[in-house]
């Protein structure tokens, strides 16, 4: 694996954060989306997604840096942690493909670190991830119940195949990709 395939993201959060509610929100988000609990194995000339039933990645995400007295010391330590977090190789073939860390910099200032392998995460996923995370957190904070209405991608594909399959779409893509190159020169991260 190579860290070049990582998608590291840092989000500075201001205001008080209930760590247990944040962990609960993250756990539900990860449980709702199979891709965050997945890795990929090579089988019979193709990759197969392996979905773990649960994930423990949120168990030890919190790190309190307020024991450091000097603000510059806190910034320096947070930078070191963020850099190491971003450079940690994520293994798409064995997992994990997602790592999270929440650093407490001051009583009302935190740094949320997310690092995901590009096979499961991109810029669009970031927007959806943060939107859903903050919605879950805010709902928990207000004591509202959470409805689990998430449709997994594989469920969507099954619906497409069995209920609403459109041969015009298939024909379009087969024709469009007919002359597409079979192999790419982009280096793989599992060689």
C-alpha atoms as a PDB file:
ATOM      1  CA  UNK A   1       0.000   0.000   0.000  1.00  0.00           C
ATOM      2  CA  UNK A   2       0.932   3.624  -0.492  1.00  0.00           C
ATOM      3  CA  UNK A   3      -0.118   6.691   1.479  1.00  0.00           C
ATOM      4  CA  UNK A   4      -0.526   8.476  -1.884  1.00  0.00           C
ATOM      5  CA  UNK A   5      -3.930   6.781  -2.148  1.00  0.00           C
ATOM      6  CA  UNK A   6      -5.115   8.319   1.131  1.00  0.00           C
ATOM      7  CA  UNK A   7      -7.744  11.031   1.351  1.00  0.00           C
ATOM      8  CA  UNK A   8      -6.768  12.862   4.554  1.00  0.00           C
ATOM      9  CA  UNK A   9      -9.119  15.579   5.801  1.00  0.00           C
ATOM     10  CA  UNK A  10      -8.890  17.899   8.805  1.00  0.00           C
ATOM     11  CA  UNK A  11     -11.878  19.758  10.211  1.00  0.00           C
ATOM     12  CA  UNK A  12     -11.500  22.295  12.998  1.00  0.00           C
ATOM     13  CA  UNK A  13     -14.531  22.243  15.261  1.00  0.00           C
ATOM     14  CA  UNK A  14     -15.377  25.060  17.649  1.00  0.00           C
ATOM     15  CA  UNK A  15     -17.716  24.892  20.603  1.00  0.00           C
ATOM     16  CA  UNK A  16     -18.175  22.226  23.225  1.00  0.00           C
ATOM     17  CA  UNK A  17     -18.296  18.661  21.939  1.00  0.00           C
ATOM     18  CA  UNK A  18     -19.866  15.760  23.741  1.00  0.00           C
ATOM     19  CA  UNK A  19     -17.301  13.062  22.973  1.00  0.00           C
ATOM     20  CA  UNK A  20     -19.683  10.171  23.666  1.00  0.00           C
ATOM     21  CA  UNK A  21     -22.338  11.651  21.344  1.00  0.00           C
ATOM     22  CA  UNK A  22     -19.693  12.184  18.652  1.00  0.00           C
ATOM     23  CA  UNK A  23     -18.535   8.576  18.975  1.00  0.00           C
ATOM     24  CA  UNK A  24     -22.144   7.358  18.895  1.00  0.00           C
ATOM     25  CA  UNK A  25     -22.842   9.470  15.781  1.00  0.00           C
ATOM     26  CA  UNK A  26     -19.736   8.148  14.040  1.00  0.00           C
ATOM     27  CA  UNK A  27     -20.560   4.550  14.994  1.00  0.00           C
ATOM     28  CA  UNK A  28     -24.066   4.822  13.528  1.00  0.00           C
ATOM     29  CA  UNK A  29     -22.782   6.532  10.387  1.00  0.00           C
ATOM     30  CA  UNK A  30     -20.211   3.775   9.863  1.00  0.00           C
ATOM     31  CA  UNK A  31     -22.769   1.080  10.619  1.00  0.00           C
ATOM     32  CA  UNK A  32     -25.206   2.650   8.120  1.00  0.00           C
ATOM     33  CA  UNK A  33     -22.690   2.583   5.271  1.00  0.00           C
ATOM     34  CA  UNK A  34     -21.142  -0.756   4.375  1.00  0.00           C
ATOM     35  CA  UNK A  35     -18.329   0.902   2.434  1.00  0.00           C
ATOM     36  CA  UNK A  36     -16.769   2.257   5.651  1.00  0.00           C
ATOM     37  CA  UNK A  37     -16.519  -1.310   7.008  1.00  0.00           C
ATOM     38  CA  UNK A  38     -15.220  -2.815   3.782  1.00  0.00           C
ATOM     39  CA  UNK A  39     -12.031  -4.075   2.282  1.00  0.00           C
ATOM     40  CA  UNK A  40     -11.423  -5.771  -1.051  1.00  0.00           C
ATOM     41  CA  UNK A  41      -9.933  -9.125  -1.970  1.00  0.00           C
ATOM     42  CA  UNK A  42      -8.788 -10.373  -5.349  1.00  0.00           C
ATOM     43  CA  UNK A  43     -10.709 -13.477  -6.331  1.00  0.00           C
ATOM     44  CA  UNK A  44     -11.121 -15.119  -9.726  1.00  0.00           C
ATOM     45  CA  UNK A  45      -9.572 -12.236 -11.698  1.00  0.00           C
ATOM     46  CA  UNK A  46     -11.598  -9.475 -10.036  1.00  0.00           C
ATOM     47  CA  UNK A  47     -11.980  -7.639  -6.759  1.00  0.00           C
ATOM     48  CA  UNK A  48     -14.673  -8.628  -4.307  1.00  0.00           C
ATOM     49  CA  UNK A  49     -15.940  -6.353  -1.551  1.00  0.00           C
ATOM     50  CA  UNK A  50     -15.793  -7.874   1.936  1.00  0.00           C
ATOM     51  CA  UNK A  51     -18.066  -6.118   4.427  1.00  0.00           C
ATOM     52  CA  UNK A  52     -17.265  -6.492   8.115  1.00  0.00           C
ATOM     53  CA  UNK A  53     -20.412  -6.766  10.275  1.00  0.00           C
ATOM     54  CA  UNK A  54     -19.191  -4.158  12.766  1.00  0.00           C
ATOM     55  CA  UNK A  55     -16.369  -1.692  13.191  1.00  0.00           C
ATOM     56  CA  UNK A  56     -14.353  -0.653  16.223  1.00  0.00           C
ATOM     57  CA  UNK A  57     -12.582   2.320  14.638  1.00  0.00           C
ATOM     58  CA  UNK A  58     -14.388   4.869  16.812  1.00  0.00           C
ATOM     59  CA  UNK A  59     -13.465   3.203  20.112  1.00  0.00           C
ATOM     60  CA  UNK A  60     -10.181   5.047  20.671  1.00  0.00           C
ATOM     61  CA  UNK A  61     -10.484   8.150  18.520  1.00  0.00           C
ATOM     62  CA  UNK A  62     -10.299  10.803  21.239  1.00  0.00           C
ATOM     63  CA  UNK A  63      -7.011  12.379  22.281  1.00  0.00           C
ATOM     64  CA  UNK A  64      -6.912  15.281  24.739  1.00  0.00           C
ATOM     65  CA  UNK A  65      -3.957  17.614  24.135  1.00  0.00           C
ATOM     66  CA  UNK A  66      -4.974  20.179  26.752  1.00  0.00           C
ATOM     67  CA  UNK A  67      -2.445  18.694  29.176  1.00  0.00           C
ATOM     68  CA  UNK A  68       0.146  20.608  27.152  1.00  0.00           C
ATOM     69  CA  UNK A  69       0.455  24.069  28.677  1.00  0.00           C
ATOM     70  CA  UNK A  70       1.766  26.185  25.832  1.00  0.00           C
ATOM     71  CA  UNK A  71      -0.496  26.924  22.809  1.00  0.00           C
ATOM     72  CA  UNK A  72       2.453  26.529  20.412  1.00  0.00           C
ATOM     73  CA  UNK A  73       3.176  23.118  21.952  1.00  0.00           C
ATOM     74  CA  UNK A  74      -0.449  22.065  21.357  1.00  0.00           C
ATOM     75  CA  UNK A  75      -0.325  23.278  17.731  1.00  0.00           C
ATOM     76  CA  UNK A  76       2.987  21.495  17.129  1.00  0.00           C
ATOM     77  CA  UNK A  77       1.758  18.212  18.643  1.00  0.00           C
ATOM     78  CA  UNK A  78      -1.553  18.433  16.717  1.00  0.00           C
ATOM     79  CA  UNK A  79       0.403  19.022  13.487  1.00  0.00           C
ATOM     80  CA  UNK A  80       2.611  15.975  14.171  1.00  0.00           C
ATOM     81  CA  UNK A  81      -0.421  13.780  14.863  1.00  0.00           C
ATOM     82  CA  UNK A  82      -2.284  15.060  11.787  1.00  0.00           C
ATOM     83  CA  UNK A  83       0.763  14.476   9.574  1.00  0.00           C
ATOM     84  CA  UNK A  84       1.266  10.931  10.898  1.00  0.00           C
ATOM     85  CA  UNK A  85      -2.466  10.261  10.531  1.00  0.00           C
ATOM     86  CA  UNK A  86      -2.434  11.427   6.895  1.00  0.00           C
ATOM     87  CA  UNK A  87       0.674   9.384   6.053  1.00  0.00           C
ATOM     88  CA  UNK A  88      -0.482   6.137   7.653  1.00  0.00           C
ATOM     89  CA  UNK A  89      -0.961   3.582   4.896  1.00  0.00           C
ATOM     90  CA  UNK A  90      -4.506   2.285   4.580  1.00  0.00           C
ATOM     91  CA  UNK A  91      -4.809  -1.215   3.162  1.00  0.00           C
ATOM     92  CA  UNK A  92      -7.768  -1.752   0.800  1.00  0.00           C
ATOM     93  CA  UNK A  93      -7.099  -5.503   0.713  1.00  0.00           C
ATOM     94  CA  UNK A  94      -7.000  -6.118   4.459  1.00  0.00           C
ATOM     95  CA  UNK A  95      -8.414  -3.019   6.067  1.00  0.00           C
ATOM     96  CA  UNK A  96      -8.899  -0.731   7.643  1.00  0.00           C
ATOM     97  CA  UNK A  97      -9.752   1.647   4.818  1.00  0.00           C
ATOM     98  CA  UNK A  98     -10.860   4.412   7.206  1.00  0.00           C
ATOM     99  CA  UNK A  99      -9.227   5.976  10.254  1.00  0.00           C
ATOM    100  CA  UNK A 100     -10.607   8.691  12.517  1.00  0.00           C
ATOM    101  CA  UNK A 101      -9.132  10.832  15.287  1.00  0.00           C
ATOM    102  CA  UNK A 102     -10.574  13.657  17.382  1.00  0.00           C
ATOM    103  CA  UNK A 103      -8.028  15.918  19.062  1.00  0.00           C
ATOM    104  CA  UNK A 104      -9.030  18.255  21.876  1.00  0.00           C
ATOM    105  CA  UNK A 105      -6.936  21.422  21.491  1.00  0.00           C
ATOM    106  CA  UNK A 106      -8.823  23.601  23.998  1.00  0.00           C
ATOM    107  CA  UNK A 107     -12.080  23.265  25.918  1.00  0.00           C
ATOM    108  CA  UNK A 108     -14.043  24.583  22.949  1.00  0.00           C
ATOM    109  CA  UNK A 109     -11.702  23.742  20.070  1.00  0.00           C
ATOM    110  CA  UNK A 110     -11.160  20.338  18.468  1.00  0.00           C
ATOM    111  CA  UNK A 111      -9.499  18.961  15.360  1.00  0.00           C
ATOM    112  CA  UNK A 112     -11.291  16.081  13.629  1.00  0.00           C
ATOM    113  CA  UNK A 113      -9.007  13.959  11.445  1.00  0.00           C
ATOM    114  CA  UNK A 114     -10.394  11.634   8.821  1.00  0.00           C
ATOM    115  CA  UNK A 115      -8.222   9.491   6.592  1.00  0.00           C
ATOM    116  CA  UNK A 116      -9.795   7.162   4.040  1.00  0.00           C
ATOM    117  CA  UNK A 117      -8.463   5.094   1.170  1.00  0.00           C
ATOM    118  CA  UNK A 118      -9.535   6.520  -2.180  1.00  0.00           C
ATOM    119  CA  UNK A 119     -11.428   3.318  -3.031  1.00  0.00           C
ATOM    120  CA  UNK A 120     -14.087   4.251  -0.454  1.00  0.00           C
ATOM    121  CA  UNK A 121     -13.903   8.030  -0.253  1.00  0.00           C
ATOM    122  CA  UNK A 122     -13.680  11.117  -2.439  1.00  0.00           C
ATOM    123  CA  UNK A 123     -14.683  14.778  -2.312  1.00  0.00           C
ATOM    124  CA  UNK A 124     -18.373  14.030  -2.797  1.00  0.00           C
ATOM    125  CA  UNK A 125     -18.272  11.382  -0.085  1.00  0.00           C
ATOM    126  CA  UNK A 126     -16.720  13.980   2.258  1.00  0.00           C
ATOM    127  CA  UNK A 127     -19.712  16.294   1.861  1.00  0.00           C
ATOM    128  CA  UNK A 128     -22.166  13.463   2.493  1.00  0.00           C
ATOM    129  CA  UNK A 129     -20.108  12.120   5.403  1.00  0.00           C
ATOM    130  CA  UNK A 130     -19.910  15.447   7.223  1.00  0.00           C
ATOM    131  CA  UNK A 131     -23.551  16.339   6.512  1.00  0.00           C
ATOM    132  CA  UNK A 132     -24.748  13.026   7.908  1.00  0.00           C
ATOM    133  CA  UNK A 133     -22.333  13.105  10.864  1.00  0.00           C
ATOM    134  CA  UNK A 134     -23.409  16.567  11.995  1.00  0.00           C
ATOM    135  CA  UNK A 135     -27.092  15.762  11.442  1.00  0.00           C
ATOM    136  CA  UNK A 136     -26.763  12.643  13.616  1.00  0.00           C
ATOM    137  CA  UNK A 137     -24.818  14.543  16.296  1.00  0.00           C
ATOM    138  CA  UNK A 138     -27.295  17.431  16.380  1.00  0.00           C
ATOM    139  CA  UNK A 139     -30.269  15.058  16.550  1.00  0.00           C
ATOM    140  CA  UNK A 140     -28.686  13.107  19.421  1.00  0.00           C
ATOM    141  CA  UNK A 141     -27.882  16.370  21.188  1.00  0.00           C
ATOM    142  CA  UNK A 142     -31.553  17.402  20.919  1.00  0.00           C
ATOM    143  CA  UNK A 143     -32.739  13.973  22.059  1.00  0.00           C
ATOM    144  CA  UNK A 144     -34.427  13.216  18.739  1.00  0.00           C
ATOM    145  CA  UNK A 145     -34.825   9.668  17.484  1.00  0.00           C
ATOM    146  CA  UNK A 146     -32.817   8.553  14.489  1.00  0.00           C
ATOM    147  CA  UNK A 147     -34.509   6.906  11.536  1.00  0.00           C
ATOM    148  CA  UNK A 148     -32.352   4.432   9.643  1.00  0.00           C
ATOM    149  CA  UNK A 149     -33.472   4.962   6.056  1.00  0.00           C
ATOM    150  CA  UNK A 150     -30.122   4.408   4.407  1.00  0.00           C
ATOM    151  CA  UNK A 151     -30.147   2.282   1.273  1.00  0.00           C
ATOM    152  CA  UNK A 152     -26.848   0.519   0.774  1.00  0.00           C
ATOM    153  CA  UNK A 153     -25.265   0.787  -2.659  1.00  0.00           C
ATOM    154  CA  UNK A 154     -25.542  -2.971  -3.226  1.00  0.00           C
ATOM    155  CA  UNK A 155     -29.275  -2.756  -2.440  1.00  0.00           C
ATOM    156  CA  UNK A 156     -29.618  -0.037  -5.041  1.00  0.00           C
ATOM    157  CA  UNK A 157     -27.806  -2.185  -7.619  1.00  0.00           C
ATOM    158  CA  UNK A 158     -30.111  -5.130  -6.904  1.00  0.00           C
ATOM    159  CA  UNK A 159     -33.134  -2.884  -7.392  1.00  0.00           C
ATOM    160  CA  UNK A 160     -31.708  -1.676 -10.665  1.00  0.00           C
ATOM    161  CA  UNK A 161     -30.997  -5.210 -11.874  1.00  0.00           C
ATOM    162  CA  UNK A 162     -34.237  -6.829 -10.833  1.00  0.00           C
ATOM    163  CA  UNK A 163     -36.923  -4.165 -10.747  1.00  0.00           C
ATOM    164  CA  UNK A 164     -36.056  -1.225 -12.910  1.00  0.00           C
ATOM    165  CA  UNK A 165     -33.407  -2.494 -15.288  1.00  0.00           C
ATOM    166  CA  UNK A 166     -33.271  -0.365 -18.417  1.00  0.00           C
ATOM    167  CA  UNK A 167     -31.645  -2.003 -21.439  1.00  0.00           C
ATOM    168  CA  UNK A 168     -31.224   1.420 -23.059  1.00  0.00           C
ATOM    169  CA  UNK A 169     -28.847   2.452 -20.289  1.00  0.00           C
ATOM    170  CA  UNK A 170     -26.842  -0.765 -20.617  1.00  0.00           C
ATOM    171  CA  UNK A 171     -26.659  -0.361 -24.405  1.00  0.00           C
ATOM    172  CA  UNK A 172     -25.526   3.239 -24.029  1.00  0.00           C
ATOM    173  CA  UNK A 173     -22.664   2.363 -21.686  1.00  0.00           C
ATOM    174  CA  UNK A 174     -21.574  -0.704 -23.642  1.00  0.00           C
ATOM    175  CA  UNK A 175     -21.420   1.413 -26.794  1.00  0.00           C
ATOM    176  CA  UNK A 176     -19.756   4.360 -25.054  1.00  0.00           C
ATOM    177  CA  UNK A 177     -17.070   2.202 -23.455  1.00  0.00           C
ATOM    178  CA  UNK A 178     -16.537  -0.102 -26.432  1.00  0.00           C
ATOM    179  CA  UNK A 179     -13.212   1.511 -27.400  1.00  0.00           C
ATOM    180  CA  UNK A 180     -12.081   2.216 -23.839  1.00  0.00           C
ATOM    181  CA  UNK A 181      -8.586   0.961 -23.022  1.00  0.00           C
ATOM    182  CA  UNK A 182      -8.591  -2.342 -21.174  1.00  0.00           C
ATOM    183  CA  UNK A 183      -5.618  -1.542 -19.023  1.00  0.00           C
ATOM    184  CA  UNK A 184      -4.359   1.665 -17.450  1.00  0.00           C
ATOM    185  CA  UNK A 185      -0.851   2.836 -16.713  1.00  0.00           C
ATOM    186  CA  UNK A 186      -1.839   4.183 -13.298  1.00  0.00           C
ATOM    187  CA  UNK A 187       0.221   2.306 -10.689  1.00  0.00           C
ATOM    188  CA  UNK A 188      -1.722   0.008  -8.407  1.00  0.00           C
ATOM    189  CA  UNK A 189      -1.339   0.272  -4.648  1.00  0.00           C
ATOM    190  CA  UNK A 190      -1.457  -3.471  -3.973  1.00  0.00           C
ATOM    191  CA  UNK A 191       1.452  -4.690  -6.124  1.00  0.00           C
END
